[in-house]
Structure formats: C-alpha cells, structure tokens
Amino acid sequence: MTRPEAARPKVAEALAALPALPRDKDGPVFAEPWHAQAFAMTVELNAGGVFTWSEWAETLGTELAEAGTDATGDDAYYSAWLAALEKMLDRKGVVPEAERSTREAAWDRAARATPHGRPIELGAEERS
C-alpha cells in the first residue's frame, strides 16, 4: 500500500473534523488554484507529521472565529486557511514569521518588476 492510499482514511476522518470546508458530494471544492494548493500543503504537512489534525482544526477554528461572518465565501474561508497555515508553520519552526515576511516581500518586489506575461524571477528587479 502506498502512502497516499494508507493516508486516505486518515484524511477522510480529518476532513470530517473541518465542517466549514467548502465541499460537494465528492469532497472538497476549490474556486481558485491557490485554494487547492493551500489545502494540499496542509494535508502533506500533516501526513509528514509536522502537526496533528487536532492542532490544525484548533488553529483554523481560531482564524475562522477571528474572521467572523466575513469568512462565509470560498475566498474568505481559504484566506483564513492560509493565515492558519502560516501561523502553524511559524509555531512549529518550519517557516518562521520573519522568514515568511522576507520571502513574501521579495516575491512582491519581483512581481512588480516583471513585465506582464513574463515569468517572475526572484532577484530580477535587482539586476535591472
């Protein structure tokens, strides 16, 4: 049995603990690619033992509660999801907040310096 097959029952059980997760009869649904990417990163980090589903559900629940009624749409839900993931990665020392902020700022500078339609390349803005 491969790891994804072995993890399937555990993931299904964990998803049941996240009742606000946008889903249809087949499972989670994603309005934007980044929603699916944030979801997949979370599942993989859990499967890798970085955090438990209980820790994840608690952190996500806190983020959703802080967002209040604003977290009713897919984008708002996954914005809270991403904020929870960032906090969890900081708390576990995987990507400390300072490092994440530095990386985010570098990508922002590179994106602003990249002509439309061209691939974003970190550091390109410094070579211009």
N, C-alpha and C. Protein backbone atom coordinates (compact mmCIF):
# COMPACT_ATOMS: atom_id res chain seq x y z
N MET A 1 0.85 -1.17 0.00
CA MET A 1 0.00 0.00 0.00
C MET A 1 0.90 1.24 0.00
N THR A 2 0.64 2.17 -0.91
CA THR A 2 1.43 3.39 -0.97
C THR A 2 0.97 4.36 0.10
N ARG A 3 1.82 5.34 0.39
CA ARG A 3 1.48 6.31 1.42
C ARG A 3 0.16 7.02 1.14
N PRO A 4 -0.10 7.50 -0.10
CA PRO A 4 -1.39 8.15 -0.33
C PRO A 4 -2.57 7.24 -0.05
N GLU A 5 -2.48 5.95 -0.41
CA GLU A 5 -3.57 5.03 -0.13
C GLU A 5 -3.73 4.82 1.37
N ALA A 6 -2.62 4.70 2.07
CA ALA A 6 -2.67 4.49 3.51
C ALA A 6 -3.20 5.73 4.22
N ALA A 7 -2.94 6.90 3.67
CA ALA A 7 -3.36 8.15 4.31
C ALA A 7 -4.82 8.48 4.04
N ARG A 8 -5.41 7.88 3.01
CA ARG A 8 -6.78 8.23 2.61
C ARG A 8 -7.79 8.16 3.75
N PRO A 9 -7.88 7.06 4.52
CA PRO A 9 -8.85 7.03 5.62
C PRO A 9 -8.57 8.11 6.67
N LYS A 10 -7.31 8.36 6.94
CA LYS A 10 -6.95 9.38 7.92
C LYS A 10 -7.37 10.77 7.43
N VAL A 11 -7.15 11.04 6.14
CA VAL A 11 -7.53 12.33 5.57
C VAL A 11 -9.04 12.48 5.59
N ALA A 12 -9.78 11.43 5.22
CA ALA A 12 -11.24 11.49 5.22
C ALA A 12 -11.76 11.78 6.62
N GLU A 13 -11.17 11.14 7.61
CA GLU A 13 -11.56 11.37 9.00
C GLU A 13 -11.26 12.82 9.42
N ALA A 14 -10.10 13.30 9.00
CA ALA A 14 -9.71 14.67 9.34
C ALA A 14 -10.62 15.68 8.67
N LEU A 15 -11.00 15.44 7.43
CA LEU A 15 -11.88 16.36 6.72
C LEU A 15 -13.23 16.47 7.42
N ALA A 16 -13.69 15.38 8.00
CA ALA A 16 -14.95 15.40 8.72
C ALA A 16 -14.88 16.34 9.92
N ALA A 17 -13.67 16.56 10.44
CA ALA A 17 -13.48 17.46 11.59
C ALA A 17 -13.46 18.92 11.17
N LEU A 18 -13.52 19.18 9.86
CA LEU A 18 -13.50 20.55 9.34
C LEU A 18 -14.83 20.82 8.65
N PRO A 19 -15.91 21.01 9.40
CA PRO A 19 -17.24 21.09 8.80
C PRO A 19 -17.46 22.30 7.89
N ALA A 20 -16.71 23.36 8.04
CA ALA A 20 -16.91 24.55 7.20
C ALA A 20 -16.20 24.44 5.85
N LEU A 21 -15.45 23.37 5.64
CA LEU A 21 -14.71 23.19 4.39
C LEU A 21 -15.68 23.15 3.22
N PRO A 22 -15.51 24.07 2.24
CA PRO A 22 -16.40 24.03 1.07
C PRO A 22 -16.28 22.68 0.36
N ARG A 23 -17.41 22.02 0.13
CA ARG A 23 -17.39 20.70 -0.48
C ARG A 23 -18.69 20.44 -1.21
N ASP A 24 -18.63 19.44 -2.09
CA ASP A 24 -19.82 18.91 -2.71
C ASP A 24 -19.90 17.43 -2.36
N LYS A 25 -20.74 16.68 -3.05
CA LYS A 25 -20.91 15.26 -2.70
C LYS A 25 -19.64 14.44 -2.89
N ASP A 26 -18.69 14.93 -3.72
CA ASP A 26 -17.46 14.20 -3.99
C ASP A 26 -16.30 14.60 -3.09
N GLY A 27 -16.44 15.65 -2.31
CA GLY A 27 -15.37 16.08 -1.43
C GLY A 27 -15.12 17.57 -1.52
N PRO A 28 -13.92 18.03 -1.11
CA PRO A 28 -13.61 19.46 -1.12
C PRO A 28 -13.69 20.05 -2.53
N VAL A 29 -14.14 21.29 -2.60
CA VAL A 29 -14.17 22.01 -3.87
C VAL A 29 -13.32 23.28 -3.73
N PHE A 30 -12.74 23.70 -4.82
CA PHE A 30 -11.83 24.83 -4.80
C PHE A 30 -12.21 25.80 -5.92
N ALA A 31 -12.45 27.05 -5.55
CA ALA A 31 -12.81 28.07 -6.54
C ALA A 31 -11.58 28.62 -7.26
N GLU A 32 -10.43 28.53 -6.63
CA GLU A 32 -9.19 29.09 -7.17
C GLU A 32 -8.06 28.08 -6.99
N PRO A 33 -7.08 28.10 -7.89
CA PRO A 33 -5.95 27.18 -7.74
C PRO A 33 -5.23 27.31 -6.40
N TRP A 34 -5.11 28.53 -5.89
CA TRP A 34 -4.38 28.70 -4.62
C TRP A 34 -5.13 28.06 -3.47
N HIS A 35 -6.46 27.95 -3.55
CA HIS A 35 -7.22 27.26 -2.51
C HIS A 35 -6.78 25.80 -2.44
N ALA A 36 -6.71 25.16 -3.62
CA ALA A 36 -6.29 23.75 -3.69
C ALA A 36 -4.85 23.58 -3.22
N GLN A 37 -4.00 24.54 -3.58
CA GLN A 37 -2.59 24.45 -3.19
C GLN A 37 -2.43 24.57 -1.68
N ALA A 38 -3.16 25.51 -1.06
CA ALA A 38 -3.09 25.65 0.40
C ALA A 38 -3.61 24.39 1.09
N PHE A 39 -4.70 23.85 0.55
CA PHE A 39 -5.27 22.62 1.09
C PHE A 39 -4.26 21.48 0.99
N ALA A 40 -3.66 21.31 -0.20
CA ALA A 40 -2.71 20.21 -0.42
C ALA A 40 -1.48 20.35 0.47
N MET A 41 -0.98 21.56 0.64
CA MET A 41 0.18 21.75 1.53
C MET A 41 -0.16 21.33 2.95
N THR A 42 -1.35 21.69 3.40
CA THR A 42 -1.78 21.34 4.75
C THR A 42 -1.87 19.83 4.92
N VAL A 43 -2.48 19.17 3.95
CA VAL A 43 -2.61 17.70 4.02
C VAL A 43 -1.23 17.05 4.06
N GLU A 44 -0.32 17.51 3.20
CA GLU A 44 1.03 16.92 3.16
C GLU A 44 1.81 17.19 4.43
N LEU A 45 1.70 18.39 4.98
CA LEU A 45 2.41 18.70 6.23
C LEU A 45 1.89 17.84 7.37
N ASN A 46 0.58 17.61 7.39
CA ASN A 46 0.02 16.73 8.40
C ASN A 46 0.51 15.31 8.19
N ALA A 47 0.47 14.84 6.95
CA ALA A 47 0.93 13.47 6.65
C ALA A 47 2.40 13.30 7.01
N GLY A 48 3.17 14.38 6.90
CA GLY A 48 4.60 14.34 7.24
C GLY A 48 4.86 14.49 8.73
N GLY A 49 3.81 14.64 9.53
CA GLY A 49 3.98 14.71 10.98
C GLY A 49 4.33 16.08 11.52
N VAL A 50 4.19 17.12 10.72
CA VAL A 50 4.54 18.46 11.19
C VAL A 50 3.54 18.93 12.26
N PHE A 51 2.27 18.58 12.09
CA PHE A 51 1.25 18.91 13.08
C PHE A 51 0.13 17.89 13.01
N THR A 52 -0.64 17.80 14.06
CA THR A 52 -1.77 16.88 14.11
C THR A 52 -3.01 17.57 13.55
N TRP A 53 -4.03 16.77 13.20
CA TRP A 53 -5.28 17.37 12.72
C TRP A 53 -5.96 18.13 13.84
N SER A 54 -5.80 17.69 15.06
CA SER A 54 -6.39 18.42 16.19
C SER A 54 -5.78 19.81 16.29
N GLU A 55 -4.46 19.89 16.18
CA GLU A 55 -3.79 21.19 16.19
C GLU A 55 -4.27 22.05 15.03
N TRP A 56 -4.37 21.42 13.85
CA TRP A 56 -4.80 22.15 12.66
C TRP A 56 -6.22 22.68 12.83
N ALA A 57 -7.14 21.81 13.25
CA ALA A 57 -8.53 22.21 13.40
C ALA A 57 -8.67 23.34 14.41
N GLU A 58 -7.92 23.28 15.49
CA GLU A 58 -7.97 24.34 16.50
C GLU A 58 -7.45 25.67 15.94
N THR A 59 -6.33 25.62 15.22
CA THR A 59 -5.75 26.83 14.64
C THR A 59 -6.67 27.42 13.58
N LEU A 60 -7.21 26.57 12.71
CA LEU A 60 -8.13 27.05 11.68
C LEU A 60 -9.40 27.60 12.32
N GLY A 61 -9.92 26.92 13.32
CA GLY A 61 -11.12 27.40 14.02
C GLY A 61 -10.91 28.78 14.61
N THR A 62 -9.74 29.01 15.18
CA THR A 62 -9.42 30.33 15.74
C THR A 62 -9.42 31.39 14.65
N GLU A 63 -8.79 31.07 13.52
CA GLU A 63 -8.75 32.03 12.40
C GLU A 63 -10.15 32.32 11.86
N LEU A 64 -10.97 31.29 11.73
CA LEU A 64 -12.33 31.50 11.23
C LEU A 64 -13.15 32.33 12.22
N ALA A 65 -12.96 32.08 13.51
CA ALA A 65 -13.68 32.85 14.52
C ALA A 65 -13.25 34.31 14.49
N GLU A 66 -11.96 34.55 14.31
CA GLU A 66 -11.47 35.93 14.23
C GLU A 66 -12.00 36.64 12.99
N ALA A 67 -12.19 35.89 11.89
CA ALA A 67 -12.73 36.48 10.66
C ALA A 67 -14.23 36.75 10.80
N GLY A 68 -14.89 36.04 11.70
CA GLY A 68 -16.31 36.25 11.94
C GLY A 68 -17.15 35.93 10.72
N THR A 69 -18.16 36.72 10.50
CA THR A 69 -19.08 36.47 9.40
C THR A 69 -18.43 36.75 8.05
N ASP A 70 -17.25 37.37 8.03
CA ASP A 70 -16.56 37.63 6.77
C ASP A 70 -16.00 36.37 6.13
N ALA A 71 -15.97 35.26 6.86
CA ALA A 71 -15.38 34.03 6.34
C ALA A 71 -16.43 33.10 5.74
N THR A 72 -17.46 33.66 5.12
CA THR A 72 -18.51 32.82 4.57
C THR A 72 -18.26 32.41 3.13
N GLY A 73 -17.50 33.17 2.36
CA GLY A 73 -17.22 32.80 0.97
C GLY A 73 -15.98 31.96 0.87
N ASP A 74 -15.81 31.32 -0.30
CA ASP A 74 -14.63 30.47 -0.51
C ASP A 74 -13.34 31.24 -0.29
N ASP A 75 -13.24 32.45 -0.86
CA ASP A 75 -12.00 33.21 -0.73
C ASP A 75 -11.73 33.57 0.73
N ALA A 76 -12.77 33.98 1.46
CA ALA A 76 -12.60 34.31 2.87
C ALA A 76 -12.21 33.08 3.68
N TYR A 77 -12.83 31.95 3.37
CA TYR A 77 -12.51 30.72 4.08
C TYR A 77 -11.06 30.34 3.85
N TYR A 78 -10.62 30.36 2.60
CA TYR A 78 -9.24 29.97 2.32
C TYR A 78 -8.23 31.03 2.72
N SER A 79 -8.65 32.28 2.85
CA SER A 79 -7.76 33.30 3.42
C SER A 79 -7.50 32.97 4.89
N ALA A 80 -8.56 32.57 5.59
CA ALA A 80 -8.39 32.13 6.99
C ALA A 80 -7.55 30.87 7.04
N TRP A 81 -7.76 29.96 6.08
CA TRP A 81 -6.98 28.71 6.00
C TRP A 81 -5.50 29.04 5.85
N LEU A 82 -5.18 29.96 4.91
CA LEU A 82 -3.79 30.33 4.68
C LEU A 82 -3.18 31.01 5.91
N ALA A 83 -3.93 31.88 6.56
CA ALA A 83 -3.43 32.53 7.78
C ALA A 83 -3.14 31.47 8.85
N ALA A 84 -4.03 30.49 8.98
CA ALA A 84 -3.81 29.41 9.95
C ALA A 84 -2.56 28.60 9.59
N LEU A 85 -2.38 28.33 8.31
CA LEU A 85 -1.20 27.58 7.87
C LEU A 85 0.07 28.35 8.17
N GLU A 86 0.07 29.65 7.90
CA GLU A 86 1.25 30.47 8.19
C GLU A 86 1.56 30.47 9.69
N LYS A 87 0.53 30.58 10.52
CA LYS A 87 0.75 30.56 11.97
C LYS A 87 1.26 29.20 12.44
N MET A 88 0.72 28.15 11.86
CA MET A 88 1.16 26.81 12.25
C MET A 88 2.62 26.59 11.86
N LEU A 89 3.00 27.03 10.66
CA LEU A 89 4.39 26.87 10.22
C LEU A 89 5.35 27.69 11.08
N ASP A 90 4.91 28.86 11.52
CA ASP A 90 5.72 29.67 12.43
C ASP A 90 5.83 28.98 13.79
N ARG A 91 4.71 28.54 14.32
CA ARG A 91 4.68 27.90 15.64
C ARG A 91 5.56 26.66 15.68
N LYS A 92 5.58 25.91 14.58
CA LYS A 92 6.36 24.66 14.53
C LYS A 92 7.80 24.90 14.09
N GLY A 93 8.16 26.15 13.77
CA GLY A 93 9.53 26.46 13.38
C GLY A 93 9.89 26.01 11.97
N VAL A 94 8.89 25.69 11.16
CA VAL A 94 9.15 25.25 9.78
C VAL A 94 9.50 26.45 8.91
N VAL A 95 8.68 27.49 8.99
CA VAL A 95 8.95 28.76 8.30
C VAL A 95 8.59 29.86 9.29
N PRO A 96 9.59 30.38 10.00
CA PRO A 96 9.32 31.43 10.97
C PRO A 96 8.71 32.67 10.30
N GLU A 97 7.89 33.39 11.04
CA GLU A 97 7.20 34.56 10.51
C GLU A 97 8.15 35.54 9.84
N ALA A 98 9.28 35.82 10.45
CA ALA A 98 10.22 36.78 9.86
C ALA A 98 10.70 36.31 8.49
N GLU A 99 10.99 35.02 8.37
CA GLU A 99 11.44 34.47 7.10
C GLU A 99 10.32 34.52 6.06
N ARG A 100 9.10 34.17 6.47
CA ARG A 100 7.97 34.22 5.56
C ARG A 100 7.73 35.63 5.05
N SER A 101 7.79 36.61 5.94
CA SER A 101 7.60 38.01 5.55
C SER A 101 8.68 38.47 4.57
N THR A 102 9.92 38.06 4.81
CA THR A 102 11.02 38.41 3.91
C THR A 102 10.81 37.80 2.54
N ARG A 103 10.41 36.53 2.50
CA ARG A 103 10.15 35.87 1.21
C ARG A 103 8.97 36.51 0.48
N GLU A 104 7.93 36.81 1.22
CA GLU A 104 6.75 37.44 0.61
C GLU A 104 7.11 38.80 0.00
N ALA A 105 7.89 39.58 0.72
CA ALA A 105 8.31 40.89 0.21
C ALA A 105 9.18 40.73 -1.04
N ALA A 106 10.06 39.74 -1.06
CA ALA A 106 10.92 39.51 -2.23
C ALA A 106 10.08 39.13 -3.44
N TRP A 107 9.11 38.26 -3.26
CA TRP A 107 8.23 37.88 -4.37
C TRP A 107 7.41 39.07 -4.84
N ASP A 108 6.95 39.90 -3.91
CA ASP A 108 6.17 41.09 -4.28
C ASP A 108 7.01 42.04 -5.12
N ARG A 109 8.25 42.30 -4.69
CA ARG A 109 9.15 43.18 -5.47
C ARG A 109 9.41 42.61 -6.86
N ALA A 110 9.67 41.30 -6.91
CA ALA A 110 9.95 40.66 -8.20
C ALA A 110 8.72 40.71 -9.11
N ALA A 111 7.54 40.48 -8.55
CA ALA A 111 6.31 40.52 -9.36
C ALA A 111 6.07 41.91 -9.92
N ARG A 112 6.29 42.93 -9.11
CA ARG A 112 6.10 44.31 -9.57
C ARG A 112 7.10 44.70 -10.65
N ALA A 113 8.27 44.10 -10.63
CA ALA A 113 9.33 44.44 -11.59
C ALA A 113 9.25 43.59 -12.87
N THR A 114 8.35 42.61 -12.89
CA THR A 114 8.26 41.70 -14.03
C THR A 114 7.21 42.19 -15.01
N PRO A 115 7.59 42.34 -16.29
CA PRO A 115 6.59 42.72 -17.29
C PRO A 115 5.48 41.67 -17.39
N HIS A 116 4.27 42.14 -17.66
CA HIS A 116 3.11 41.25 -17.79
C HIS A 116 3.39 40.14 -18.80
N GLY A 117 3.03 38.93 -18.41
CA GLY A 117 3.20 37.79 -19.30
C GLY A 117 4.54 37.10 -19.20
N ARG A 118 5.46 37.68 -18.46
CA ARG A 118 6.80 37.09 -18.29
C ARG A 118 6.83 36.31 -16.98
N PRO A 119 7.65 35.27 -16.89
CA PRO A 119 7.78 34.54 -15.62
C PRO A 119 8.43 35.44 -14.55
N ILE A 120 7.94 35.30 -13.34
CA ILE A 120 8.52 36.05 -12.22
C ILE A 120 9.80 35.35 -11.81
N GLU A 121 10.86 36.13 -11.70
CA GLU A 121 12.16 35.59 -11.33
C GLU A 121 12.69 36.38 -10.14
N LEU A 122 12.88 35.70 -9.03
CA LEU A 122 13.42 36.37 -7.84
C LEU A 122 14.79 36.96 -8.16
N GLY A 123 15.01 38.19 -7.74
CA GLY A 123 16.27 38.85 -7.93
C GLY A 123 16.38 39.63 -9.23
N ALA A 124 15.43 39.43 -10.15
CA ALA A 124 15.47 40.13 -11.45
C ALA A 124 15.38 41.63 -11.26
N GLU A 125 14.62 42.07 -10.26
CA GLU A 125 14.45 43.51 -10.03
C GLU A 125 15.77 44.15 -9.59
N GLU A 126 16.66 43.37 -9.00
CA GLU A 126 17.94 43.91 -8.56
C GLU A 126 18.96 43.98 -9.69
N ARG A 127 18.73 43.17 -10.73
CA ARG A 127 19.65 43.18 -11.88
C ARG A 127 19.28 44.24 -12.91
N SER A 128 18.07 44.80 -12.80
CA SER A 128 17.61 45.79 -13.79
C SER A 128 18.30 47.11 -13.65
